[in-house]
Amino acid sequence: MILYFKAIHIFGFVAWFSGLFYLVRMFVYHVEAGSEDQPKKRILQDQFTLMQKRVFSIICNTAAILTWFCGLSMIYLYGMEWFKLNTWLHAKLVLLVVLTGYHLYCKKIIDALEKGDFVMSAFNFRLFNELPSILLLAIVLLASLRSLGEFVGTLPYILAFMISIFFIAKFYKKLREKKKGKV
């Protein structure tokens, strides 16, 4: 029974992360559509709003619920003694709470974008879109290593990953601006 919960848990978190990656990428395009002339601007932004709402409610919410339900079911099936001994899981749950906060904040962004309030620039949304990557890396490391001590040893590498993402995003922004200037 527990292996079925584990399989569905894995399926759920893959779908959840996929939905979040796609959702925030649409935020980037929604903001970029704001620089278009009417009626193209309105058509694009209305379409992005519809897509964002659907991805959030159909994919992200469903996958988040599935992930949490199956994960908590596995904890229940393994037992509280097992849970107490596996401190790596406590850290994983903290990261999942952070991910859930990110997920819920995305709903606020959808509502703000629908009203025409651009809470971030397209570049900042690109950076915001990398937060789940960092959480995914940390969660997978915790689940794979199953040791809080070993995980702490990987923190410098996670930090290096974060810094790399930032500089790659800055470099990509400069390339886009340079290309835009040549057109």
N, C-alpha and C. Protein backbone atom coordinates (compact mmCIF):
# COMPACT_ATOMS: atom_id res chain seq x y z
N MET A 1 0.81 -1.20 0.00
CA MET A 1 0.00 0.00 0.00
C MET A 1 0.86 1.27 0.00
N ILE A 2 1.91 1.25 0.83
CA ILE A 2 2.74 2.45 0.95
C ILE A 2 3.45 2.79 -0.36
N LEU A 3 3.79 1.77 -1.14
CA LEU A 3 4.45 2.03 -2.42
C LEU A 3 3.52 2.73 -3.41
N TYR A 4 2.23 2.45 -3.32
CA TYR A 4 1.26 3.16 -4.16
C TYR A 4 1.18 4.63 -3.76
N PHE A 5 1.15 4.87 -2.45
CA PHE A 5 1.16 6.27 -1.98
C PHE A 5 2.43 6.98 -2.43
N LYS A 6 3.56 6.27 -2.36
CA LYS A 6 4.83 6.87 -2.77
C LYS A 6 4.81 7.21 -4.26
N ALA A 7 4.32 6.30 -5.08
CA ALA A 7 4.25 6.53 -6.53
C ALA A 7 3.35 7.73 -6.85
N ILE A 8 2.20 7.78 -6.20
CA ILE A 8 1.26 8.89 -6.45
C ILE A 8 1.83 10.19 -5.90
N HIS A 9 2.55 10.11 -4.78
CA HIS A 9 3.22 11.28 -4.21
C HIS A 9 4.23 11.85 -5.21
N ILE A 10 5.04 10.99 -5.79
CA ILE A 10 6.03 11.42 -6.78
C ILE A 10 5.33 12.03 -8.00
N PHE A 11 4.30 11.36 -8.49
CA PHE A 11 3.53 11.90 -9.61
C PHE A 11 2.98 13.28 -9.26
N GLY A 12 2.42 13.41 -8.05
CA GLY A 12 1.84 14.68 -7.61
C GLY A 12 2.85 15.80 -7.57
N PHE A 13 4.03 15.55 -7.00
CA PHE A 13 4.97 16.66 -6.91
C PHE A 13 5.59 17.01 -8.26
N VAL A 14 5.71 16.04 -9.16
CA VAL A 14 6.18 16.37 -10.52
C VAL A 14 5.16 17.27 -11.21
N ALA A 15 3.89 16.92 -11.10
CA ALA A 15 2.83 17.74 -11.71
C ALA A 15 2.76 19.12 -11.06
N TRP A 16 2.92 19.17 -9.74
CA TRP A 16 2.85 20.43 -9.01
C TRP A 16 3.96 21.38 -9.45
N PHE A 17 5.18 20.87 -9.48
CA PHE A 17 6.29 21.72 -9.91
C PHE A 17 6.13 22.12 -11.37
N SER A 18 5.70 21.21 -12.21
CA SER A 18 5.50 21.54 -13.63
C SER A 18 4.49 22.67 -13.76
N GLY A 19 3.39 22.56 -13.03
CA GLY A 19 2.37 23.60 -13.07
C GLY A 19 2.90 24.94 -12.60
N LEU A 20 3.67 24.94 -11.51
CA LEU A 20 4.22 26.20 -11.00
C LEU A 20 5.21 26.81 -11.97
N PHE A 21 6.06 25.99 -12.58
CA PHE A 21 7.02 26.52 -13.56
C PHE A 21 6.29 27.17 -14.74
N TYR A 22 5.27 26.49 -15.23
CA TYR A 22 4.51 27.01 -16.37
C TYR A 22 3.73 28.26 -15.99
N LEU A 23 3.12 28.24 -14.82
CA LEU A 23 2.31 29.36 -14.35
C LEU A 23 3.13 30.64 -14.28
N VAL A 24 4.27 30.58 -13.65
CA VAL A 24 5.08 31.79 -13.46
C VAL A 24 5.69 32.24 -14.79
N ARG A 25 5.96 31.31 -15.68
CA ARG A 25 6.43 31.70 -17.01
C ARG A 25 5.33 32.51 -17.72
N MET A 26 4.07 32.13 -17.50
CA MET A 26 2.97 32.90 -18.08
C MET A 26 2.90 34.30 -17.46
N PHE A 27 3.29 34.46 -16.20
CA PHE A 27 3.34 35.79 -15.60
C PHE A 27 4.32 36.67 -16.38
N VAL A 28 5.46 36.09 -16.75
CA VAL A 28 6.46 36.84 -17.53
C VAL A 28 5.81 37.33 -18.82
N TYR A 29 5.16 36.44 -19.54
CA TYR A 29 4.56 36.80 -20.82
C TYR A 29 3.40 37.78 -20.64
N HIS A 30 2.66 37.64 -19.56
CA HIS A 30 1.55 38.55 -19.27
C HIS A 30 2.08 39.98 -19.11
N VAL A 31 3.15 40.12 -18.34
CA VAL A 31 3.74 41.45 -18.14
C VAL A 31 4.32 41.98 -19.45
N GLU A 32 5.00 41.13 -20.21
CA GLU A 32 5.57 41.57 -21.49
C GLU A 32 4.49 41.98 -22.48
N ALA A 33 3.32 41.35 -22.41
CA ALA A 33 2.21 41.72 -23.29
C ALA A 33 1.73 43.14 -23.01
N GLY A 34 2.02 43.64 -21.81
CA GLY A 34 1.62 45.00 -21.45
C GLY A 34 2.26 46.07 -22.31
N SER A 35 3.34 45.74 -22.99
CA SER A 35 3.99 46.72 -23.86
C SER A 35 3.45 46.70 -25.29
N GLU A 36 2.53 45.82 -25.56
CA GLU A 36 1.92 45.74 -26.90
C GLU A 36 0.85 46.82 -27.05
N ASP A 37 0.55 47.15 -28.30
CA ASP A 37 -0.53 48.09 -28.60
C ASP A 37 -1.87 47.39 -28.49
N GLN A 38 -2.92 48.19 -28.24
CA GLN A 38 -4.28 47.65 -28.24
C GLN A 38 -4.67 47.32 -29.68
N PRO A 39 -5.45 46.34 -30.00
CA PRO A 39 -6.15 45.43 -29.11
C PRO A 39 -5.32 44.20 -28.74
N LYS A 40 -4.11 44.07 -29.35
CA LYS A 40 -3.27 42.90 -29.08
C LYS A 40 -2.99 42.75 -27.59
N LYS A 41 -2.69 43.84 -26.93
CA LYS A 41 -2.39 43.82 -25.49
C LYS A 41 -3.54 43.19 -24.70
N ARG A 42 -4.76 43.67 -24.92
CA ARG A 42 -5.92 43.17 -24.18
C ARG A 42 -6.19 41.70 -24.50
N ILE A 43 -6.08 41.33 -25.77
CA ILE A 43 -6.33 39.94 -26.16
C ILE A 43 -5.32 39.01 -25.49
N LEU A 44 -4.05 39.38 -25.54
CA LEU A 44 -3.02 38.54 -24.92
C LEU A 44 -3.21 38.45 -23.41
N GLN A 45 -3.43 39.58 -22.77
CA GLN A 45 -3.55 39.56 -21.31
C GLN A 45 -4.80 38.81 -20.85
N ASP A 46 -5.89 38.94 -21.59
CA ASP A 46 -7.08 38.17 -21.25
C ASP A 46 -6.82 36.67 -21.40
N GLN A 47 -6.12 36.30 -22.46
CA GLN A 47 -5.81 34.88 -22.68
C GLN A 47 -4.87 34.35 -21.60
N PHE A 48 -3.85 35.13 -21.25
CA PHE A 48 -2.93 34.69 -20.20
C PHE A 48 -3.66 34.55 -18.86
N THR A 49 -4.57 35.46 -18.56
CA THR A 49 -5.34 35.37 -17.32
C THR A 49 -6.15 34.07 -17.29
N LEU A 50 -6.81 33.76 -18.37
CA LEU A 50 -7.59 32.52 -18.45
C LEU A 50 -6.70 31.30 -18.27
N MET A 51 -5.56 31.29 -18.95
CA MET A 51 -4.63 30.16 -18.86
C MET A 51 -4.08 30.03 -17.44
N GLN A 52 -3.73 31.16 -16.83
CA GLN A 52 -3.18 31.13 -15.47
C GLN A 52 -4.19 30.55 -14.49
N LYS A 53 -5.42 30.99 -14.59
CA LYS A 53 -6.46 30.49 -13.68
C LYS A 53 -6.65 28.99 -13.85
N ARG A 54 -6.65 28.53 -15.09
CA ARG A 54 -6.84 27.10 -15.33
C ARG A 54 -5.66 26.27 -14.84
N VAL A 55 -4.46 26.71 -15.14
CA VAL A 55 -3.28 25.97 -14.68
C VAL A 55 -3.25 25.93 -13.16
N PHE A 56 -3.55 27.07 -12.53
CA PHE A 56 -3.52 27.11 -11.07
C PHE A 56 -4.58 26.18 -10.46
N SER A 57 -5.82 26.31 -10.93
CA SER A 57 -6.89 25.54 -10.28
C SER A 57 -6.90 24.07 -10.68
N ILE A 58 -6.61 23.78 -11.93
CA ILE A 58 -6.72 22.39 -12.40
C ILE A 58 -5.44 21.60 -12.12
N ILE A 59 -4.29 22.18 -12.44
CA ILE A 59 -3.03 21.44 -12.30
C ILE A 59 -2.40 21.67 -10.92
N CYS A 60 -2.11 22.92 -10.59
CA CYS A 60 -1.36 23.21 -9.36
C CYS A 60 -2.12 22.79 -8.10
N ASN A 61 -3.37 23.20 -7.99
CA ASN A 61 -4.13 22.86 -6.78
C ASN A 61 -4.30 21.35 -6.63
N THR A 62 -4.70 20.70 -7.71
CA THR A 62 -4.92 19.25 -7.66
C THR A 62 -3.63 18.53 -7.28
N ALA A 63 -2.53 18.91 -7.93
CA ALA A 63 -1.25 18.25 -7.66
C ALA A 63 -0.76 18.53 -6.25
N ALA A 64 -0.96 19.75 -5.75
CA ALA A 64 -0.53 20.08 -4.39
C ALA A 64 -1.30 19.23 -3.37
N ILE A 65 -2.61 19.12 -3.58
CA ILE A 65 -3.43 18.32 -2.67
C ILE A 65 -3.00 16.86 -2.70
N LEU A 66 -2.77 16.35 -3.89
CA LEU A 66 -2.33 14.96 -4.05
C LEU A 66 -0.99 14.73 -3.36
N THR A 67 -0.07 15.66 -3.54
CA THR A 67 1.26 15.55 -2.94
C THR A 67 1.16 15.54 -1.42
N TRP A 68 0.43 16.49 -0.86
CA TRP A 68 0.29 16.56 0.58
C TRP A 68 -0.45 15.34 1.13
N PHE A 69 -1.54 14.95 0.49
CA PHE A 69 -2.33 13.82 0.98
C PHE A 69 -1.49 12.53 1.02
N CYS A 70 -0.82 12.25 -0.09
CA CYS A 70 -0.03 11.01 -0.15
C CYS A 70 1.17 11.07 0.78
N GLY A 71 1.82 12.22 0.87
CA GLY A 71 2.96 12.36 1.78
C GLY A 71 2.57 12.18 3.23
N LEU A 72 1.49 12.83 3.63
CA LEU A 72 1.03 12.68 5.02
C LEU A 72 0.52 11.27 5.28
N SER A 73 -0.07 10.65 4.27
CA SER A 73 -0.52 9.25 4.42
C SER A 73 0.67 8.32 4.65
N MET A 74 1.77 8.57 3.94
CA MET A 74 2.96 7.74 4.15
C MET A 74 3.52 7.92 5.55
N ILE A 75 3.53 9.16 6.04
CA ILE A 75 3.99 9.41 7.41
C ILE A 75 3.11 8.63 8.39
N TYR A 76 1.82 8.68 8.18
CA TYR A 76 0.89 7.95 9.05
C TYR A 76 1.17 6.45 9.00
N LEU A 77 1.35 5.91 7.79
CA LEU A 77 1.58 4.47 7.64
C LEU A 77 2.92 4.02 8.23
N TYR A 78 3.94 4.86 8.09
CA TYR A 78 5.24 4.52 8.69
C TYR A 78 5.18 4.62 10.21
N GLY A 79 4.38 5.54 10.72
CA GLY A 79 4.20 5.66 12.17
C GLY A 79 4.94 6.86 12.76
N MET A 80 4.47 7.29 13.89
CA MET A 80 5.03 8.48 14.54
C MET A 80 6.44 8.25 15.06
N GLU A 81 6.75 7.04 15.46
CA GLU A 81 8.12 6.76 15.93
C GLU A 81 9.11 6.96 14.78
N TRP A 82 8.76 6.44 13.61
CA TRP A 82 9.59 6.62 12.41
C TRP A 82 9.73 8.10 12.09
N PHE A 83 8.62 8.83 12.16
CA PHE A 83 8.63 10.26 11.85
C PHE A 83 9.56 11.01 12.81
N LYS A 84 9.50 10.70 14.08
CA LYS A 84 10.34 11.38 15.07
C LYS A 84 11.82 11.15 14.79
N LEU A 85 12.17 9.95 14.35
CA LEU A 85 13.58 9.60 14.12
C LEU A 85 14.14 10.20 12.83
N ASN A 86 13.30 10.52 11.87
CA ASN A 86 13.75 10.99 10.56
C ASN A 86 13.66 12.51 10.48
N THR A 87 14.69 13.16 11.04
CA THR A 87 14.69 14.62 11.10
C THR A 87 14.80 15.27 9.72
N TRP A 88 15.35 14.54 8.75
CA TRP A 88 15.41 15.08 7.39
C TRP A 88 13.99 15.37 6.89
N LEU A 89 13.04 14.56 7.31
CA LEU A 89 11.65 14.73 6.89
C LEU A 89 11.05 16.00 7.49
N HIS A 90 11.48 16.37 8.67
CA HIS A 90 10.99 17.60 9.30
C HIS A 90 11.43 18.79 8.44
N ALA A 91 12.69 18.77 8.00
CA ALA A 91 13.19 19.85 7.13
C ALA A 91 12.45 19.85 5.79
N LYS A 92 12.18 18.66 5.26
CA LYS A 92 11.44 18.57 4.00
C LYS A 92 10.05 19.17 4.15
N LEU A 93 9.40 18.90 5.26
CA LEU A 93 8.07 19.46 5.49
C LEU A 93 8.10 20.98 5.60
N VAL A 94 9.16 21.51 6.21
CA VAL A 94 9.30 22.97 6.27
C VAL A 94 9.41 23.54 4.85
N LEU A 95 10.22 22.89 4.01
CA LEU A 95 10.35 23.35 2.63
C LEU A 95 9.03 23.22 1.86
N LEU A 96 8.26 22.19 2.17
CA LEU A 96 6.95 22.04 1.53
C LEU A 96 5.97 23.12 1.97
N VAL A 97 6.08 23.55 3.21
CA VAL A 97 5.26 24.67 3.68
C VAL A 97 5.66 25.94 2.92
N VAL A 98 6.96 26.15 2.73
CA VAL A 98 7.43 27.30 1.95
C VAL A 98 6.90 27.21 0.52
N LEU A 99 6.98 26.02 -0.08
CA LEU A 99 6.46 25.82 -1.44
C LEU A 99 4.96 26.10 -1.50
N THR A 100 4.24 25.68 -0.49
CA THR A 100 2.80 25.94 -0.44
C THR A 100 2.53 27.45 -0.33
N GLY A 101 3.35 28.15 0.42
CA GLY A 101 3.24 29.62 0.49
C GLY A 101 3.49 30.26 -0.86
N TYR A 102 4.49 29.78 -1.56
CA TYR A 102 4.78 30.25 -2.93
C TYR A 102 3.57 30.01 -3.83
N HIS A 103 3.02 28.81 -3.73
CA HIS A 103 1.85 28.41 -4.50
C HIS A 103 0.68 29.38 -4.24
N LEU A 104 0.41 29.65 -2.99
CA LEU A 104 -0.69 30.55 -2.64
C LEU A 104 -0.42 31.99 -3.06
N TYR A 105 0.83 32.40 -2.98
CA TYR A 105 1.20 33.75 -3.44
C TYR A 105 0.97 33.89 -4.94
N CYS A 106 1.16 32.80 -5.68
CA CYS A 106 0.91 32.83 -7.13
C CYS A 106 -0.56 33.16 -7.41
N LYS A 107 -1.46 32.70 -6.57
CA LYS A 107 -2.89 33.04 -6.75
C LYS A 107 -3.10 34.53 -6.59
N LYS A 108 -2.43 35.14 -5.63
CA LYS A 108 -2.54 36.59 -5.44
C LYS A 108 -2.00 37.32 -6.67
N ILE A 109 -0.94 36.79 -7.25
CA ILE A 109 -0.38 37.41 -8.46
C ILE A 109 -1.36 37.31 -9.62
N ILE A 110 -1.99 36.17 -9.78
CA ILE A 110 -2.99 36.00 -10.84
C ILE A 110 -4.07 37.07 -10.70
N ASP A 111 -4.57 37.25 -9.49
CA ASP A 111 -5.62 38.25 -9.24
C ASP A 111 -5.12 39.66 -9.53
N ALA A 112 -3.88 39.96 -9.13
CA ALA A 112 -3.32 41.29 -9.37
C ALA A 112 -3.13 41.54 -10.86
N LEU A 113 -2.60 40.56 -11.58
CA LEU A 113 -2.39 40.73 -13.02
C LEU A 113 -3.72 40.91 -13.75
N GLU A 114 -4.74 40.22 -13.29
CA GLU A 114 -6.05 40.37 -13.92
C GLU A 114 -6.57 41.80 -13.77
N LYS A 115 -6.24 42.43 -12.65
CA LYS A 115 -6.66 43.82 -12.42
C LYS A 115 -5.74 44.82 -13.12
N GLY A 116 -4.65 44.32 -13.70
CA GLY A 116 -3.71 45.22 -14.36
C GLY A 116 -2.60 45.71 -13.46
N ASP A 117 -2.50 45.14 -12.28
CA ASP A 117 -1.43 45.51 -11.35
C ASP A 117 -0.23 44.59 -11.59
N PHE A 118 0.84 45.17 -12.09
CA PHE A 118 2.03 44.37 -12.35
C PHE A 118 2.90 44.42 -11.10
N VAL A 119 2.85 43.35 -10.34
CA VAL A 119 3.54 43.31 -9.05
C VAL A 119 5.05 43.17 -9.20
N MET A 120 5.49 42.74 -10.37
CA MET A 120 6.92 42.58 -10.64
C MET A 120 7.17 42.85 -12.12
N SER A 121 8.42 43.12 -12.42
CA SER A 121 8.82 43.24 -13.82
C SER A 121 8.96 41.84 -14.41
N ALA A 122 9.03 41.76 -15.73
CA ALA A 122 9.21 40.46 -16.38
C ALA A 122 10.50 39.80 -15.89
N PHE A 123 11.56 40.58 -15.72
CA PHE A 123 12.82 40.03 -15.25
C PHE A 123 12.67 39.46 -13.83
N ASN A 124 12.01 40.21 -12.96
CA ASN A 124 11.82 39.71 -11.60
C ASN A 124 10.95 38.47 -11.56
N PHE A 125 9.97 38.38 -12.47
CA PHE A 125 9.19 37.15 -12.56
C PHE A 125 10.07 35.99 -13.03
N ARG A 126 11.03 36.27 -13.91
CA ARG A 126 11.95 35.21 -14.33
C ARG A 126 12.75 34.69 -13.12
N LEU A 127 13.18 35.59 -12.27
CA LEU A 127 13.90 35.17 -11.07
C LEU A 127 12.96 34.45 -10.10
N PHE A 128 11.75 34.97 -9.96
CA PHE A 128 10.73 34.36 -9.11
C PHE A 128 10.44 32.93 -9.57
N ASN A 129 10.52 32.71 -10.86
CA ASN A 129 10.26 31.39 -11.44
C ASN A 129 11.35 30.38 -11.08
N GLU A 130 12.48 30.85 -10.60
CA GLU A 130 13.57 29.94 -10.22
C GLU A 130 13.47 29.47 -8.78
N LEU A 131 12.64 30.11 -7.97
CA LEU A 131 12.51 29.68 -6.57
C LEU A 131 12.07 28.22 -6.45
N PRO A 132 11.10 27.76 -7.25
CA PRO A 132 10.75 26.34 -7.14
C PRO A 132 11.90 25.41 -7.52
N SER A 133 12.78 25.87 -8.42
CA SER A 133 13.95 25.05 -8.79
C SER A 133 14.82 24.80 -7.56
N ILE A 134 15.02 25.85 -6.80
CA ILE A 134 15.85 25.75 -5.60
C ILE A 134 15.17 24.86 -4.56
N LEU A 135 13.87 25.07 -4.38
CA LEU A 135 13.13 24.22 -3.43
C LEU A 135 13.13 22.77 -3.89
N LEU A 136 12.96 22.54 -5.18
CA LEU A 136 12.98 21.18 -5.71
C LEU A 136 14.32 20.51 -5.45
N LEU A 137 15.41 21.22 -5.72
CA LEU A 137 16.74 20.66 -5.47
C LEU A 137 16.90 20.30 -3.99
N ALA A 138 16.51 21.21 -3.12
CA ALA A 138 16.65 20.95 -1.68
C ALA A 138 15.78 19.78 -1.23
N ILE A 139 14.55 19.72 -1.71
CA ILE A 139 13.64 18.64 -1.32
C ILE A 139 14.14 17.29 -1.83
N VAL A 140 14.60 17.25 -3.07
CA VAL A 140 15.11 15.99 -3.63
C VAL A 140 16.37 15.56 -2.88
N LEU A 141 17.24 16.50 -2.55
CA LEU A 141 18.43 16.14 -1.78
C LEU A 141 18.06 15.56 -0.42
N LEU A 142 17.12 16.20 0.25
CA LEU A 142 16.69 15.68 1.56
C LEU A 142 16.11 14.28 1.44
N ALA A 143 15.25 14.08 0.44
CA ALA A 143 14.60 12.78 0.26
C ALA A 143 15.60 11.71 -0.17
N SER A 144 16.61 12.11 -0.92
CA SER A 144 17.61 11.14 -1.39
C SER A 144 18.64 10.81 -0.33
N LEU A 145 19.16 11.84 0.32
CA LEU A 145 20.21 11.64 1.33
C LEU A 145 19.65 11.08 2.63
N ARG A 146 18.43 11.48 2.96
CA ARG A 146 17.76 11.07 4.20
C ARG A 146 18.63 11.32 5.43
N SER A 147 19.35 12.42 5.35
CA SER A 147 20.21 12.80 6.46
C SER A 147 20.27 14.32 6.51
N LEU A 148 19.82 14.88 7.61
CA LEU A 148 19.85 16.32 7.76
C LEU A 148 21.29 16.83 7.77
N GLY A 149 22.19 16.07 8.40
CA GLY A 149 23.60 16.46 8.45
C GLY A 149 24.22 16.52 7.07
N GLU A 150 23.99 15.50 6.26
CA GLU A 150 24.53 15.50 4.90
C GLU A 150 23.90 16.61 4.08
N PHE A 151 22.62 16.87 4.29
CA PHE A 151 21.95 17.95 3.56
C PHE A 151 22.60 19.29 3.89
N VAL A 152 22.87 19.54 5.16
CA VAL A 152 23.50 20.79 5.57
C VAL A 152 24.84 20.95 4.84
N GLY A 153 25.54 19.85 4.62
CA GLY A 153 26.80 19.89 3.88
C GLY A 153 26.63 20.30 2.43
N THR A 154 25.41 20.14 1.89
CA THR A 154 25.17 20.53 0.49
C THR A 154 24.75 21.99 0.36
N LEU A 155 24.48 22.66 1.47
CA LEU A 155 23.98 24.05 1.41
C LEU A 155 24.90 24.99 0.62
N PRO A 156 26.23 24.88 0.75
CA PRO A 156 27.08 25.76 -0.08
C PRO A 156 26.85 25.52 -1.58
N TYR A 157 26.58 24.29 -1.96
CA TYR A 157 26.34 23.99 -3.37
C TYR A 157 24.98 24.53 -3.82
N ILE A 158 24.01 24.46 -2.93
CA ILE A 158 22.70 25.03 -3.25
C ILE A 158 22.83 26.55 -3.39
N LEU A 159 23.59 27.17 -2.50
CA LEU A 159 23.84 28.61 -2.59
C LEU A 159 24.55 28.95 -3.91
N ALA A 160 25.53 28.15 -4.28
CA ALA A 160 26.22 28.37 -5.56
C ALA A 160 25.27 28.23 -6.73
N PHE A 161 24.35 27.27 -6.64
CA PHE A 161 23.33 27.08 -7.67
C PHE A 161 22.45 28.32 -7.77
N MET A 162 22.05 28.87 -6.63
CA MET A 162 21.21 30.07 -6.61
C MET A 162 21.94 31.26 -7.25
N ILE A 163 23.18 31.44 -6.89
CA ILE A 163 23.97 32.54 -7.43
C ILE A 163 24.15 32.37 -8.93
N SER A 164 24.39 31.15 -9.37
CA SER A 164 24.54 30.87 -10.80
C SER A 164 23.27 31.22 -11.56
N ILE A 165 22.13 30.83 -11.01
CA ILE A 165 20.85 31.15 -11.66
C ILE A 165 20.70 32.66 -11.82
N PHE A 166 21.03 33.40 -10.77
CA PHE A 166 20.90 34.85 -10.83
C PHE A 166 21.77 35.44 -11.93
N PHE A 167 23.04 35.02 -11.98
CA PHE A 167 23.93 35.60 -12.99
C PHE A 167 23.58 35.15 -14.40
N ILE A 168 23.10 33.94 -14.56
CA ILE A 168 22.64 33.48 -15.87
C ILE A 168 21.43 34.31 -16.31
N ALA A 169 20.53 34.58 -15.38
CA ALA A 169 19.35 35.40 -15.71
C ALA A 169 19.76 36.82 -16.10
N LYS A 170 20.71 37.40 -15.38
CA LYS A 170 21.21 38.75 -15.72
C LYS A 170 21.87 38.75 -17.10
N PHE A 171 22.67 37.72 -17.38
CA PHE A 171 23.33 37.60 -18.68
C PHE A 171 22.30 37.46 -19.79
N TYR A 172 21.30 36.64 -19.56
CA TYR A 172 20.24 36.44 -20.55
C TYR A 172 19.47 37.73 -20.80
N LYS A 173 19.24 38.50 -19.75
CA LYS A 173 18.55 39.79 -19.88
C LYS A 173 19.35 40.73 -20.77
N LYS A 174 20.66 40.78 -20.55
CA LYS A 174 21.52 41.64 -21.38
C LYS A 174 21.49 41.20 -22.84
N LEU A 175 21.54 39.88 -23.07
CA LEU A 175 21.46 39.37 -24.45
C LEU A 175 20.14 39.78 -25.12
N ARG A 176 19.05 39.65 -24.38
CA ARG A 176 17.73 40.01 -24.93
C ARG A 176 17.68 41.50 -25.24
N GLU A 177 18.23 42.32 -24.35
CA GLU A 177 18.22 43.76 -24.56
C GLU A 177 19.08 44.13 -25.76
N LYS A 178 20.23 43.47 -25.88
CA LYS A 178 21.12 43.74 -27.00
C LYS A 178 20.45 43.34 -28.32
N LYS A 179 19.81 42.18 -28.32
CA LYS A 179 19.11 41.69 -29.51
C LYS A 179 17.95 42.60 -29.86
N LYS A 180 17.23 43.08 -28.86
CA LYS A 180 16.11 43.99 -29.07
C LYS A 180 16.59 45.30 -29.68
N GLY A 181 17.75 45.77 -29.25
CA GLY A 181 18.32 47.01 -29.77
C GLY A 181 18.74 46.91 -31.23
N LYS A 182 19.10 45.70 -31.68
CA LYS A 182 19.54 45.50 -33.07
C LYS A 182 18.37 45.37 -34.03
N VAL A 183 17.21 44.99 -33.52
CA VAL A 183 16.05 44.75 -34.40
C VAL A 183 15.44 46.04 -34.84
